[in-house]
Amino acid sequence: IEQKVRADLAEACRGEIEKFEITFLDATSRGGVPHTAYTGRAECK
C-alpha cells in the first residue's frame, strides 16, 4: 500500500516527493475479510 501511495503522490507532484507520511487503520470487516484504510501525505520537492 505504501509503495502505491508513494507512486500516486509522486505522479501528482510530477516528480520527487519529500516529507512523506502515511497512516494505516485496520478496517477488517466483521466477517474477517482484511481491509486497510490509509491516509498519505507528501510535499512536492
ModelCIF file with pLDDT and N, C-alpha, C, O atoms, coordinates in Angstrom:
data_MODEL
#
_entry.id   MODEL 
#
_entity.id                         1 
_entity.type                       polymer 
_entity.pdbx_number_of_molecules   1 
#
_entity_poly.entity_id                      1 
_entity_poly.type                           'polypeptide(L)' 
_entity_poly.nstd_linkage                   no 
_entity_poly.nstd_monomer                   no 
_entity_poly.pdbx_seq_one_letter_code       IEQKVRADLAEACRGEIEKFEITFLDATSRGGVPHTAYTGRAECK 
_entity_poly.pdbx_seq_one_letter_code_can   IEQKVRADLAEACRGEIEKFEITFLDATSRGGVPHTAYTGRAECK 
_entity_poly.pdbx_strand_id                 A 
#
loop_
_entity_poly_seq.entity_id 
_entity_poly_seq.num 
_entity_poly_seq.mon_id 
_entity_poly_seq.hetero 
1 1  ILE n 
1 2  GLU n 
1 3  GLN n 
1 4  LYS n 
1 5  VAL n 
1 6  ARG n 
1 7  ALA n 
1 8  ASP n 
1 9  LEU n 
1 10 ALA n 
1 11 GLU n 
1 12 ALA n 
1 13 CYS n 
1 14 ARG n 
1 15 GLY n 
1 16 GLU n 
1 17 ILE n 
1 18 GLU n 
1 19 LYS n 
1 20 PHE n 
1 21 GLU n 
1 22 ILE n 
1 23 THR n 
1 24 PHE n 
1 25 LEU n 
1 26 ASP n 
1 27 ALA n 
1 28 THR n 
1 29 SER n 
1 30 ARG n 
1 31 GLY n 
1 32 GLY n 
1 33 VAL n 
1 34 PRO n 
1 35 HIS n 
1 36 THR n 
1 37 ALA n 
1 38 TYR n 
1 39 THR n 
1 40 GLY n 
1 41 ARG n 
1 42 ALA n 
1 43 GLU n 
1 44 CYS n 
1 45 LYS n 
#
_struct_asym.id          A 
_struct_asym.entity_id   1 
#
loop_
_ma_qa_metric.id 
_ma_qa_metric.mode 
_ma_qa_metric.name 
_ma_qa_metric.software_group_id 
_ma_qa_metric.type 
1 global pLDDT . pLDDT 
2 local  pLDDT . pLDDT 
#
_ma_qa_metric_global.metric_id      1 
_ma_qa_metric_global.metric_value   94.91 
_ma_qa_metric_global.model_id       1 
_ma_qa_metric_global.ordinal_id     1 
#
loop_
_ma_qa_metric_local.label_asym_id 
_ma_qa_metric_local.label_comp_id 
_ma_qa_metric_local.label_seq_id 
_ma_qa_metric_local.metric_id 
_ma_qa_metric_local.metric_value 
_ma_qa_metric_local.model_id 
_ma_qa_metric_local.ordinal_id 
A ILE 1  2 94.00 1 1  
A GLU 2  2 96.00 1 2  
A GLN 3  2 96.00 1 3  
A LYS 4  2 93.00 1 4  
A VAL 5  2 94.00 1 5  
A ARG 6  2 96.00 1 6  
A ALA 7  2 95.00 1 7  
A ASP 8  2 93.00 1 8  
A LEU 9  2 95.00 1 9  
A ALA 10 2 96.00 1 10 
A GLU 11 2 95.00 1 11 
A ALA 12 2 94.00 1 12 
A CYS 13 2 95.00 1 13 
A ARG 14 2 95.00 1 14 
A GLY 15 2 95.00 1 15 
A GLU 16 2 97.00 1 16 
A ILE 17 2 97.00 1 17 
A GLU 18 2 97.00 1 18 
A LYS 19 2 96.00 1 19 
A PHE 20 2 97.00 1 20 
A GLU 21 2 97.00 1 21 
A ILE 22 2 97.00 1 22 
A THR 23 2 97.00 1 23 
A PHE 24 2 97.00 1 24 
A LEU 25 2 95.00 1 25 
A ASP 26 2 95.00 1 26 
A ALA 27 2 92.00 1 27 
A THR 28 2 93.00 1 28 
A SER 29 2 91.00 1 29 
A ARG 30 2 92.00 1 30 
A GLY 31 2 93.00 1 31 
A GLY 32 2 93.00 1 32 
A VAL 33 2 93.00 1 33 
A PRO 34 2 93.00 1 34 
A HIS 35 2 93.00 1 35 
A THR 36 2 93.00 1 36 
A ALA 37 2 93.00 1 37 
A TYR 38 2 95.00 1 38 
A THR 39 2 95.00 1 39 
A GLY 40 2 96.00 1 40 
A ARG 41 2 97.00 1 41 
A ALA 42 2 97.00 1 42 
A GLU 43 2 97.00 1 43 
A CYS 44 2 97.00 1 44 
A LYS 45 2 94.00 1 45 
#
loop_
_atom_site.group_PDB 
_atom_site.id 
_atom_site.type_symbol 
_atom_site.label_atom_id 
_atom_site.label_alt_id 
_atom_site.label_comp_id 
_atom_site.label_asym_id 
_atom_site.label_entity_id 
_atom_site.label_seq_id 
_atom_site.pdbx_PDB_ins_code 
_atom_site.Cartn_x 
_atom_site.Cartn_y 
_atom_site.Cartn_z 
_atom_site.occupancy 
_atom_site.B_iso_or_equiv 
_atom_site.pdbx_formal_charge 
_atom_site.auth_seq_id 
_atom_site.auth_comp_id 
_atom_site.auth_asym_id 
_atom_site.auth_atom_id 
_atom_site.pdbx_PDB_model_num 
ATOM 1   N N  . ILE A 1 1  ? 0.841   -1.195  0.000   1.00 94.00 ? 1  ILE A N  1 
ATOM 2   C CA . ILE A 1 1  ? 0.000   0.000   0.000   1.00 94.00 ? 1  ILE A CA 1 
ATOM 3   C C  . ILE A 1 1  ? 0.877   1.246   0.000   1.00 94.00 ? 1  ILE A C  1 
ATOM 4   O O  . ILE A 1 1  ? 0.629   2.180   -0.763  1.00 94.00 ? 1  ILE A O  1 
ATOM 5   N N  . GLU A 1 2  ? 1.907   1.267   0.857   1.00 96.00 ? 2  GLU A N  1 
ATOM 6   C CA . GLU A 1 2  ? 2.805   2.419   0.919   1.00 96.00 ? 2  GLU A CA 1 
ATOM 7   C C  . GLU A 1 2  ? 3.482   2.668   -0.424  1.00 96.00 ? 2  GLU A C  1 
ATOM 8   O O  . GLU A 1 2  ? 3.592   3.815   -0.857  1.00 96.00 ? 2  GLU A O  1 
ATOM 9   N N  . GLN A 1 3  ? 3.927   1.626   -1.074  1.00 96.00 ? 3  GLN A N  1 
ATOM 10  C CA . GLN A 1 3  ? 4.584   1.765   -2.381  1.00 96.00 ? 3  GLN A CA 1 
ATOM 11  C C  . GLN A 1 3  ? 3.629   2.395   -3.391  1.00 96.00 ? 3  GLN A C  1 
ATOM 12  O O  . GLN A 1 3  ? 4.028   3.268   -4.161  1.00 96.00 ? 3  GLN A O  1 
ATOM 13  N N  . LYS A 1 4  ? 2.374   1.958   -3.392  1.00 93.00 ? 4  LYS A N  1 
ATOM 14  C CA . LYS A 1 4  ? 1.374   2.505   -4.312  1.00 93.00 ? 4  LYS A CA 1 
ATOM 15  C C  . LYS A 1 4  ? 1.077   3.964   -3.989  1.00 93.00 ? 4  LYS A C  1 
ATOM 16  O O  . LYS A 1 4  ? 0.965   4.791   -4.894  1.00 93.00 ? 4  LYS A O  1 
ATOM 17  N N  . VAL A 1 5  ? 0.952   4.280   -2.715  1.00 94.00 ? 5  VAL A N  1 
ATOM 18  C CA . VAL A 1 5  ? 0.657   5.664   -2.303  1.00 94.00 ? 5  VAL A CA 1 
ATOM 19  C C  . VAL A 1 5  ? 1.813   6.588   -2.682  1.00 94.00 ? 5  VAL A C  1 
ATOM 20  O O  . VAL A 1 5  ? 1.590   7.684   -3.197  1.00 94.00 ? 5  VAL A O  1 
ATOM 21  N N  . ARG A 1 6  ? 3.051   6.146   -2.426  1.00 96.00 ? 6  ARG A N  1 
ATOM 22  C CA . ARG A 1 6  ? 4.213   6.951   -2.824  1.00 96.00 ? 6  ARG A CA 1 
ATOM 23  C C  . ARG A 1 6  ? 4.204   7.221   -4.334  1.00 96.00 ? 6  ARG A C  1 
ATOM 24  O O  . ARG A 1 6  ? 4.456   8.345   -4.768  1.00 96.00 ? 6  ARG A O  1 
ATOM 25  N N  . ALA A 1 7  ? 3.916   6.196   -5.120  1.00 95.00 ? 7  ALA A N  1 
ATOM 26  C CA . ALA A 1 7  ? 3.885   6.346   -6.581  1.00 95.00 ? 7  ALA A CA 1 
ATOM 27  C C  . ALA A 1 7  ? 2.780   7.313   -7.005  1.00 95.00 ? 7  ALA A C  1 
ATOM 28  O O  . ALA A 1 7  ? 2.993   8.150   -7.882  1.00 95.00 ? 7  ALA A O  1 
ATOM 29  N N  . ASP A 1 8  ? 1.604   7.206   -6.388  1.00 93.00 ? 8  ASP A N  1 
ATOM 30  C CA . ASP A 1 8  ? 0.500   8.114   -6.726  1.00 93.00 ? 8  ASP A CA 1 
ATOM 31  C C  . ASP A 1 8  ? 0.837   9.556   -6.376  1.00 93.00 ? 8  ASP A C  1 
ATOM 32  O O  . ASP A 1 8  ? 0.533   10.472  -7.140  1.00 93.00 ? 8  ASP A O  1 
ATOM 33  N N  . LEU A 1 9  ? 1.465   9.758   -5.221  1.00 95.00 ? 9  LEU A N  1 
ATOM 34  C CA . LEU A 1 9  ? 1.830   11.118  -4.819  1.00 95.00 ? 9  LEU A CA 1 
ATOM 35  C C  . LEU A 1 9  ? 2.935   11.686  -5.711  1.00 95.00 ? 9  LEU A C  1 
ATOM 36  O O  . LEU A 1 9  ? 2.902   12.868  -6.055  1.00 95.00 ? 9  LEU A O  1 
ATOM 37  N N  . ALA A 1 10 ? 3.903   10.865  -6.086  1.00 96.00 ? 10 ALA A N  1 
ATOM 38  C CA . ALA A 1 10 ? 4.966   11.320  -6.988  1.00 96.00 ? 10 ALA A CA 1 
ATOM 39  C C  . ALA A 1 10 ? 4.385   11.680  -8.352  1.00 96.00 ? 10 ALA A C  1 
ATOM 40  O O  . ALA A 1 10 ? 4.819   12.642  -8.986  1.00 96.00 ? 10 ALA A O  1 
ATOM 41  N N  . GLU A 1 11 ? 3.411   10.909  -8.793  1.00 95.00 ? 11 GLU A N  1 
ATOM 42  C CA . GLU A 1 11 ? 2.758   11.216  -10.072 1.00 95.00 ? 11 GLU A CA 1 
ATOM 43  C C  . GLU A 1 11 ? 2.004   12.536  -9.989  1.00 95.00 ? 11 GLU A C  1 
ATOM 44  O O  . GLU A 1 11 ? 2.037   13.339  -10.921 1.00 95.00 ? 11 GLU A O  1 
ATOM 45  N N  . ALA A 1 12 ? 1.325   12.754  -8.867  1.00 94.00 ? 12 ALA A N  1 
ATOM 46  C CA . ALA A 1 12 ? 0.598   14.012  -8.678  1.00 94.00 ? 12 ALA A CA 1 
ATOM 47  C C  . ALA A 1 12 ? 1.557   15.196  -8.667  1.00 94.00 ? 12 ALA A C  1 
ATOM 48  O O  . ALA A 1 12 ? 1.248   16.262  -9.200  1.00 94.00 ? 12 ALA A O  1 
ATOM 49  N N  . CYS A 1 13 ? 2.730   15.001  -8.053  1.00 95.00 ? 13 CYS A N  1 
ATOM 50  C CA . CYS A 1 13 ? 3.739   16.070  -7.985  1.00 95.00 ? 13 CYS A CA 1 
ATOM 51  C C  . CYS A 1 13 ? 4.504   16.214  -9.297  1.00 95.00 ? 13 CYS A C  1 
ATOM 52  O O  . CYS A 1 13 ? 5.208   17.202  -9.507  1.00 95.00 ? 13 CYS A O  1 
ATOM 53  N N  . ARG A 1 14 ? 4.365   15.246  -10.159 1.00 95.00 ? 14 ARG A N  1 
ATOM 54  C CA . ARG A 1 14 ? 5.121   15.212  -11.418 1.00 95.00 ? 14 ARG A CA 1 
ATOM 55  C C  . ARG A 1 14 ? 6.616   15.264  -11.158 1.00 95.00 ? 14 ARG A C  1 
ATOM 56  O O  . ARG A 1 14 ? 7.370   15.953  -11.846 1.00 95.00 ? 14 ARG A O  1 
ATOM 57  N N  . GLY A 1 15 ? 7.019   14.513  -10.143 1.00 95.00 ? 15 GLY A N  1 
ATOM 58  C CA . GLY A 1 15 ? 8.432   14.464  -9.779  1.00 95.00 ? 15 GLY A CA 1 
ATOM 59  C C  . GLY A 1 15 ? 8.603   13.867  -8.394  1.00 95.00 ? 15 GLY A C  1 
ATOM 60  O O  . GLY A 1 15 ? 7.766   13.106  -7.910  1.00 95.00 ? 15 GLY A O  1 
ATOM 61  N N  . GLU A 1 16 ? 9.693   14.229  -7.785  1.00 97.00 ? 16 GLU A N  1 
ATOM 62  C CA . GLU A 1 16 ? 10.024  13.670  -6.475  1.00 97.00 ? 16 GLU A CA 1 
ATOM 63  C C  . GLU A 1 16 ? 9.158   14.268  -5.373  1.00 97.00 ? 16 GLU A C  1 
ATOM 64  O O  . GLU A 1 16 ? 8.645   15.382  -5.483  1.00 97.00 ? 16 GLU A O  1 
ATOM 65  N N  . ILE A 1 17 ? 9.016   13.483  -4.303  1.00 97.00 ? 17 ILE A N  1 
ATOM 66  C CA . ILE A 1 17 ? 8.281   13.949  -3.131  1.00 97.00 ? 17 ILE A CA 1 
ATOM 67  C C  . ILE A 1 17 ? 9.209   13.966  -1.923  1.00 97.00 ? 17 ILE A C  1 
ATOM 68  O O  . ILE A 1 17 ? 10.258  13.321  -1.916  1.00 97.00 ? 17 ILE A O  1 
ATOM 69  N N  . GLU A 1 18 ? 8.804   14.713  -0.909  1.00 97.00 ? 18 GLU A N  1 
ATOM 70  C CA . GLU A 1 18 ? 9.540   14.759  0.347   1.00 97.00 ? 18 GLU A CA 1 
ATOM 71  C C  . GLU A 1 18 ? 8.534   14.888  1.482   1.00 97.00 ? 18 GLU A C  1 
ATOM 72  O O  . GLU A 1 18 ? 7.358   15.173  1.256   1.00 97.00 ? 18 GLU A O  1 
ATOM 73  N N  . LYS A 1 19 ? 9.009   14.676  2.702   1.00 96.00 ? 19 LYS A N  1 
ATOM 74  C CA . LYS A 1 19 ? 8.167   14.742  3.902   1.00 96.00 ? 19 LYS A CA 1 
ATOM 75  C C  . LYS A 1 19 ? 6.939   13.836  3.772   1.00 96.00 ? 19 LYS A C  1 
ATOM 76  O O  . LYS A 1 19 ? 5.817   14.232  4.086   1.00 96.00 ? 19 LYS A O  1 
ATOM 77  N N  . PHE A 1 20 ? 7.182   12.622  3.306   1.00 97.00 ? 20 PHE A N  1 
ATOM 78  C CA . PHE A 1 20 ? 6.115   11.639  3.134   1.00 97.00 ? 20 PHE A CA 1 
ATOM 79  C C  . PHE A 1 20 ? 5.642   11.117  4.483   1.00 97.00 ? 20 PHE A C  1 
ATOM 80  O O  . PHE A 1 20 ? 6.454   10.800  5.352   1.00 97.00 ? 20 PHE A O  1 
ATOM 81  N N  . GLU A 1 21 ? 4.344   11.029  4.653   1.00 97.00 ? 21 GLU A N  1 
ATOM 82  C CA . GLU A 1 21 ? 3.738   10.465  5.857   1.00 97.00 ? 21 GLU A CA 1 
ATOM 83  C C  . GLU A 1 21 ? 2.599   9.552   5.428   1.00 97.00 ? 21 GLU A C  1 
ATOM 84  O O  . GLU A 1 21 ? 1.899   9.843   4.458   1.00 97.00 ? 21 GLU A O  1 
ATOM 85  N N  . ILE A 1 22 ? 2.414   8.464   6.136   1.00 97.00 ? 22 ILE A N  1 
ATOM 86  C CA . ILE A 1 22 ? 1.277   7.596   5.876   1.00 97.00 ? 22 ILE A CA 1 
ATOM 87  C C  . ILE A 1 22 ? 0.805   6.992   7.191   1.00 97.00 ? 22 ILE A C  1 
ATOM 88  O O  . ILE A 1 22 ? 1.612   6.643   8.052   1.00 97.00 ? 22 ILE A O  1 
ATOM 89  N N  . THR A 1 23 ? -0.494  6.874   7.333   1.00 97.00 ? 23 THR A N  1 
ATOM 90  C CA . THR A 1 23 ? -1.073  6.209   8.491   1.00 97.00 ? 23 THR A CA 1 
ATOM 91  C C  . THR A 1 23 ? -2.015  5.119   7.993   1.00 97.00 ? 23 THR A C  1 
ATOM 92  O O  . THR A 1 23 ? -2.656  5.250   6.950   1.00 97.00 ? 23 THR A O  1 
ATOM 93  N N  . PHE A 1 24 ? -2.078  4.048   8.763   1.00 97.00 ? 24 PHE A N  1 
ATOM 94  C CA . PHE A 1 24 ? -2.922  2.919   8.413   1.00 97.00 ? 24 PHE A CA 1 
ATOM 95  C C  . PHE A 1 24 ? -3.934  2.671   9.521   1.00 97.00 ? 24 PHE A C  1 
ATOM 96  O O  . PHE A 1 24 ? -3.666  2.929   10.694  1.00 97.00 ? 24 PHE A O  1 
ATOM 97  N N  . LEU A 1 25 ? -5.087  2.172   9.136   1.00 95.00 ? 25 LEU A N  1 
ATOM 98  C CA . LEU A 1 25 ? -6.118  1.809   10.094  1.00 95.00 ? 25 LEU A CA 1 
ATOM 99  C C  . LEU A 1 25 ? -6.695  0.469   9.656   1.00 95.00 ? 25 LEU A C  1 
ATOM 100 O O  . LEU A 1 25 ? -7.121  0.312   8.511   1.00 95.00 ? 25 LEU A O  1 
ATOM 101 N N  . ASP A 1 26 ? -6.708  -0.484  10.559  1.00 95.00 ? 26 ASP A N  1 
ATOM 102 C CA . ASP A 1 26 ? -7.293  -1.790  10.258  1.00 95.00 ? 26 ASP A CA 1 
ATOM 103 C C  . ASP A 1 26 ? -8.795  -1.619  10.052  1.00 95.00 ? 26 ASP A C  1 
ATOM 104 O O  . ASP A 1 26 ? -9.512  -1.215  10.967  1.00 95.00 ? 26 ASP A O  1 
ATOM 105 N N  . ALA A 1 27 ? -9.257  -1.924  8.865   1.00 92.00 ? 27 ALA A N  1 
ATOM 106 C CA . ALA A 1 27 ? -10.672 -1.796  8.532   1.00 92.00 ? 27 ALA A CA 1 
ATOM 107 C C  . ALA A 1 27 ? -11.258 -3.160  8.172   1.00 92.00 ? 27 ALA A C  1 
ATOM 108 O O  . ALA A 1 27 ? -12.185 -3.256  7.368   1.00 92.00 ? 27 ALA A O  1 
ATOM 109 N N  . THR A 1 28 ? -10.710 -4.201  8.772   1.00 93.00 ? 28 THR A N  1 
ATOM 110 C CA . THR A 1 28 ? -11.171 -5.557  8.511   1.00 93.00 ? 28 THR A CA 1 
ATOM 111 C C  . THR A 1 28 ? -12.660 -5.675  8.831   1.00 93.00 ? 28 THR A C  1 
ATOM 112 O O  . THR A 1 28 ? -13.136 -5.164  9.845   1.00 93.00 ? 28 THR A O  1 
ATOM 113 N N  . SER A 1 29 ? -13.376 -6.354  7.952   1.00 91.00 ? 29 SER A N  1 
ATOM 114 C CA . SER A 1 29 ? -14.822 -6.489  8.125   1.00 91.00 ? 29 SER A CA 1 
ATOM 115 C C  . SER A 1 29 ? -15.153 -7.396  9.303   1.00 91.00 ? 29 SER A C  1 
ATOM 116 O O  . SER A 1 29 ? -14.295 -8.135  9.787   1.00 91.00 ? 29 SER A O  1 
ATOM 117 N N  . ARG A 1 30 ? -16.380 -7.338  9.755   1.00 92.00 ? 30 ARG A N  1 
ATOM 118 C CA . ARG A 1 30 ? -16.822 -8.185  10.866  1.00 92.00 ? 30 ARG A CA 1 
ATOM 119 C C  . ARG A 1 30 ? -16.691 -9.665  10.528  1.00 92.00 ? 30 ARG A C  1 
ATOM 120 O O  . ARG A 1 30 ? -16.539 -10.501 11.418  1.00 92.00 ? 30 ARG A O  1 
ATOM 121 N N  . GLY A 1 31 ? -16.750 -9.982  9.248   1.00 93.00 ? 31 GLY A N  1 
ATOM 122 C CA . GLY A 1 31 ? -16.610 -11.361 8.805   1.00 93.00 ? 31 GLY A CA 1 
ATOM 123 C C  . GLY A 1 31 ? -15.170 -11.815 8.698   1.00 93.00 ? 31 GLY A C  1 
ATOM 124 O O  . GLY A 1 31 ? -14.904 -12.962 8.337   1.00 93.00 ? 31 GLY A O  1 
ATOM 125 N N  . GLY A 1 32 ? -14.224 -10.917 9.011   1.00 93.00 ? 32 GLY A N  1 
ATOM 126 C CA . GLY A 1 32 ? -12.816 -11.267 8.988   1.00 93.00 ? 32 GLY A CA 1 
ATOM 127 C C  . GLY A 1 32 ? -12.109 -11.018 7.665   1.00 93.00 ? 32 GLY A C  1 
ATOM 128 O O  . GLY A 1 32 ? -10.961 -11.428 7.495   1.00 93.00 ? 32 GLY A O  1 
ATOM 129 N N  . VAL A 1 33 ? -12.777 -10.349 6.719   1.00 93.00 ? 33 VAL A N  1 
ATOM 130 C CA . VAL A 1 33 ? -12.143 -10.037 5.434   1.00 93.00 ? 33 VAL A CA 1 
ATOM 131 C C  . VAL A 1 33 ? -11.211 -8.835  5.642   1.00 93.00 ? 33 VAL A C  1 
ATOM 132 O O  . VAL A 1 33 ? -11.655 -7.770  6.072   1.00 93.00 ? 33 VAL A O  1 
ATOM 133 N N  . PRO A 1 34 ? -9.914  -9.012  5.336   1.00 93.00 ? 34 PRO A N  1 
ATOM 134 C CA . PRO A 1 34 ? -8.955  -7.938  5.623   1.00 93.00 ? 34 PRO A CA 1 
ATOM 135 C C  . PRO A 1 34 ? -9.097  -6.734  4.692   1.00 93.00 ? 34 PRO A C  1 
ATOM 136 O O  . PRO A 1 34 ? -9.131  -6.877  3.469   1.00 93.00 ? 34 PRO A O  1 
ATOM 137 N N  . HIS A 1 35 ? -9.177  -5.572  5.281   1.00 93.00 ? 35 HIS A N  1 
ATOM 138 C CA . HIS A 1 35 ? -9.176  -4.298  4.560   1.00 93.00 ? 35 HIS A CA 1 
ATOM 139 C C  . HIS A 1 35 ? -8.289  -3.344  5.356   1.00 93.00 ? 35 HIS A C  1 
ATOM 140 O O  . HIS A 1 35 ? -8.177  -3.463  6.576   1.00 93.00 ? 35 HIS A O  1 
ATOM 141 N N  . THR A 1 36 ? -7.663  -2.401  4.661   1.00 93.00 ? 36 THR A N  1 
ATOM 142 C CA . THR A 1 36 ? -6.810  -1.416  5.315   1.00 93.00 ? 36 THR A CA 1 
ATOM 143 C C  . THR A 1 36 ? -7.161  -0.023  4.814   1.00 93.00 ? 36 THR A C  1 
ATOM 144 O O  . THR A 1 36 ? -7.064  0.252   3.619   1.00 93.00 ? 36 THR A O  1 
ATOM 145 N N  . ALA A 1 37 ? -7.562  0.842   5.711   1.00 93.00 ? 37 ALA A N  1 
ATOM 146 C CA . ALA A 1 37 ? -7.783  2.249   5.373   1.00 93.00 ? 37 ALA A CA 1 
ATOM 147 C C  . ALA A 1 37 ? -6.456  2.970   5.560   1.00 93.00 ? 37 ALA A C  1 
ATOM 148 O O  . ALA A 1 37 ? -5.675  2.625   6.446   1.00 93.00 ? 37 ALA A O  1 
ATOM 149 N N  . TYR A 1 38 ? -6.202  3.971   4.725   1.00 95.00 ? 38 TYR A N  1 
ATOM 150 C CA . TYR A 1 38 ? -4.936  4.688   4.819   1.00 95.00 ? 38 TYR A CA 1 
ATOM 151 C C  . TYR A 1 38 ? -5.099  6.145   4.424   1.00 95.00 ? 38 TYR A C  1 
ATOM 152 O O  . TYR A 1 38 ? -6.005  6.510   3.676   1.00 95.00 ? 38 TYR A O  1 
ATOM 153 N N  . THR A 1 39 ? -4.196  6.969   4.946   1.00 95.00 ? 39 THR A N  1 
ATOM 154 C CA . THR A 1 39 ? -4.097  8.375   4.579   1.00 95.00 ? 39 THR A CA 1 
ATOM 155 C C  . THR A 1 39 ? -2.622  8.656   4.318   1.00 95.00 ? 39 THR A C  1 
ATOM 156 O O  . THR A 1 39 ? -1.776  8.407   5.177   1.00 95.00 ? 39 THR A O  1 
ATOM 157 N N  . GLY A 1 40 ? -2.322  9.167   3.148   1.00 96.00 ? 40 GLY A N  1 
ATOM 158 C CA . GLY A 1 40 ? -0.954  9.517   2.783   1.00 96.00 ? 40 GLY A CA 1 
ATOM 159 C C  . GLY A 1 40 ? -0.840  11.000  2.493   1.00 96.00 ? 40 GLY A C  1 
ATOM 160 O O  . GLY A 1 40 ? -1.802  11.645  2.075   1.00 96.00 ? 40 GLY A O  1 
ATOM 161 N N  . ARG A 1 41 ? 0.354   11.531  2.721   1.00 97.00 ? 41 ARG A N  1 
ATOM 162 C CA . ARG A 1 41 ? 0.578   12.969  2.527   1.00 97.00 ? 41 ARG A CA 1 
ATOM 163 C C  . ARG A 1 41 ? 2.041   13.169  2.168   1.00 97.00 ? 41 ARG A C  1 
ATOM 164 O O  . ARG A 1 41 ? 2.916   12.507  2.725   1.00 97.00 ? 41 ARG A O  1 
ATOM 165 N N  . ALA A 1 42 ? 2.307   14.073  1.247   1.00 97.00 ? 42 ALA A N  1 
ATOM 166 C CA . ALA A 1 42 ? 3.686   14.395  0.885   1.00 97.00 ? 42 ALA A CA 1 
ATOM 167 C C  . ALA A 1 42 ? 3.733   15.793  0.262   1.00 97.00 ? 42 ALA A C  1 
ATOM 168 O O  . ALA A 1 42 ? 2.756   16.292  -0.297  1.00 97.00 ? 42 ALA A O  1 
ATOM 169 N N  . GLU A 1 43 ? 4.908   16.392  0.386   1.00 97.00 ? 43 GLU A N  1 
ATOM 170 C CA . GLU A 1 43 ? 5.151   17.672  -0.271  1.00 97.00 ? 43 GLU A CA 1 
ATOM 171 C C  . GLU A 1 43 ? 5.934   17.398  -1.553  1.00 97.00 ? 43 GLU A C  1 
ATOM 172 O O  . GLU A 1 43 ? 6.745   16.475  -1.623  1.00 97.00 ? 43 GLU A O  1 
ATOM 173 N N  . CYS A 1 44 ? 5.671   18.217  -2.555  1.00 97.00 ? 44 CYS A N  1 
ATOM 174 C CA . CYS A 1 44 ? 6.389   18.106  -3.812  1.00 97.00 ? 44 CYS A CA 1 
ATOM 175 C C  . CYS A 1 44 ? 7.774   18.729  -3.644  1.00 97.00 ? 44 CYS A C  1 
ATOM 176 O O  . CYS A 1 44 ? 7.896   19.851  -3.153  1.00 97.00 ? 44 CYS A O  1 
ATOM 177 N N  . LYS A 1 45 ? 8.796   18.015  -4.045  1.00 94.00 ? 45 LYS A N  1 
ATOM 178 C CA . LYS A 1 45 ? 10.168  18.527  -3.926  1.00 94.00 ? 45 LYS A CA 1 
ATOM 179 C C  . LYS A 1 45 ? 10.353  19.631  -4.955  1.00 94.00 ? 45 LYS A C  1 
ATOM 180 O O  . LYS A 1 45 ? 11.432  20.216  -5.045  1.00 94.00 ? 45 LYS A O  1 
#
